[in-house]
Amino acid sequence: MRAAMVLEVTSGSRRDRKGAERDRGPKRRGYAAADIPLYLLIDRLEGKATIFFEPRGDDYAHIVSVALGEDLPIPAPLEGVLPTRDF
């Protein structure tokens, strides 16, 4: 069985900016290349939640972001809404 989604949460610390950059770039591309359908990134430094979906090669074809506090729609295969108000 393969993973349907990977979730990363960045540190809220400005000192860990490099870790957040890895989550936004190299890790995202690695998950897409591994054909993981959904990548959810809770970016506390940027104050937003982002879902990447439909992997194509080494990146995702679609991206939806909302400010933390808003609801984030989650596409198939999990389909639903993620409330982010408590993040």
Protein backbone atom coordinates (compact mmCIF):
# COMPACT_ATOMS: atom_id res chain seq x y z
CA MET A 1 0.00 0.00 0.00
CA ARG A 2 1.36 3.45 -0.85
CA ALA A 3 0.75 6.68 1.03
CA ALA A 4 -2.22 8.80 -0.04
CA MET A 5 -0.80 11.96 1.53
CA VAL A 6 2.30 13.33 3.21
CA LEU A 7 2.02 16.12 5.78
CA GLU A 8 4.80 18.51 6.74
CA VAL A 9 4.58 21.26 9.38
CA THR A 10 7.26 23.93 9.34
CA SER A 11 8.77 25.24 12.52
CA GLY A 12 7.43 28.57 13.65
CA SER A 13 11.00 29.68 14.38
CA ARG A 14 12.69 32.07 11.96
CA ARG A 15 15.96 30.28 12.80
CA ASP A 16 14.71 27.16 10.99
CA ARG A 17 14.05 28.91 7.66
CA LYS A 18 16.25 26.33 5.86
CA GLY A 19 14.01 23.50 7.05
CA ALA A 20 10.95 25.32 5.71
CA GLU A 21 12.69 25.88 2.38
CA ARG A 22 13.38 22.11 2.13
CA ASP A 23 9.68 21.42 2.76
CA ARG A 24 8.62 23.90 0.07
CA GLY A 25 11.11 22.69 -2.56
CA PRO A 26 13.18 19.50 -2.50
CA LYS A 27 10.80 17.48 -0.32
CA ARG A 28 7.79 18.55 -2.43
CA ARG A 29 9.54 17.47 -5.62
CA GLY A 30 10.59 14.19 -4.03
CA TYR A 31 7.05 13.36 -2.98
CA ALA A 32 5.76 14.18 -6.46
CA ALA A 33 8.45 11.99 -8.05
CA ALA A 34 7.38 9.18 -5.68
CA ASP A 35 3.83 9.62 -7.07
CA ILE A 36 2.27 10.50 -3.71
CA PRO A 37 -1.13 11.97 -4.65
CA LEU A 38 -1.31 14.70 -1.98
CA TYR A 39 1.28 16.79 -0.15
CA LEU A 40 -0.06 19.00 2.63
CA LEU A 41 2.26 21.73 3.91
CA ILE A 42 1.36 23.67 7.04
CA ASP A 43 3.75 26.61 6.78
CA ARG A 44 3.75 28.42 10.11
CA LEU A 45 6.45 30.85 8.95
CA GLU A 46 4.37 31.99 5.97
CA GLY A 47 1.05 31.64 7.83
CA LYS A 48 -0.60 29.41 5.27
CA ALA A 49 -1.72 25.88 4.51
CA THR A 50 -1.05 24.49 1.04
CA ILE A 51 -2.18 21.30 -0.64
CA PHE A 52 -0.21 20.09 -3.67
CA PHE A 53 -1.97 17.48 -5.82
CA GLU A 54 -1.81 15.54 -9.10
CA PRO A 55 1.88 14.64 -9.22
CA ARG A 56 3.44 15.01 -12.66
CA GLY A 57 7.06 14.01 -12.90
CA ASP A 58 8.97 15.81 -10.17
CA ASP A 59 6.31 18.37 -9.20
CA TYR A 60 2.59 18.75 -8.66
CA ALA A 61 0.23 20.02 -11.35
CA HIS A 62 -2.08 21.83 -8.91
CA ILE A 63 -1.61 23.90 -5.77
CA VAL A 64 -4.21 25.46 -3.46
CA SER A 65 -3.20 27.71 -0.53
CA VAL A 66 -5.19 29.43 2.18
CA ALA A 67 -4.20 31.64 5.07
CA LEU A 68 -4.09 29.79 8.39
CA GLY A 69 -7.52 30.20 9.92
CA GLU A 70 -9.36 29.47 6.66
CA ASP A 71 -10.72 26.13 5.46
CA LEU A 72 -8.56 24.23 2.96
CA PRO A 73 -10.32 21.95 0.46
CA ILE A 74 -8.64 18.54 0.19
CA PRO A 75 -9.05 16.84 -3.20
CA ALA A 76 -9.31 13.14 -4.07
CA PRO A 77 -8.31 10.58 -2.99
CA LEU A 78 -9.11 11.88 0.51
CA GLU A 79 -11.69 14.59 -0.36
CA GLY A 80 -12.84 16.85 2.40
CA VAL A 81 -12.22 20.16 4.08
CA LEU A 82 -9.43 20.86 6.57
CA PRO A 83 -10.23 23.63 9.05
CA THR A 84 -6.97 25.44 9.88
CA ARG A 85 -8.22 27.90 12.51
CA ASP A 86 -6.40 26.08 15.34
CA PHE A 87 -3.02 25.88 13.57
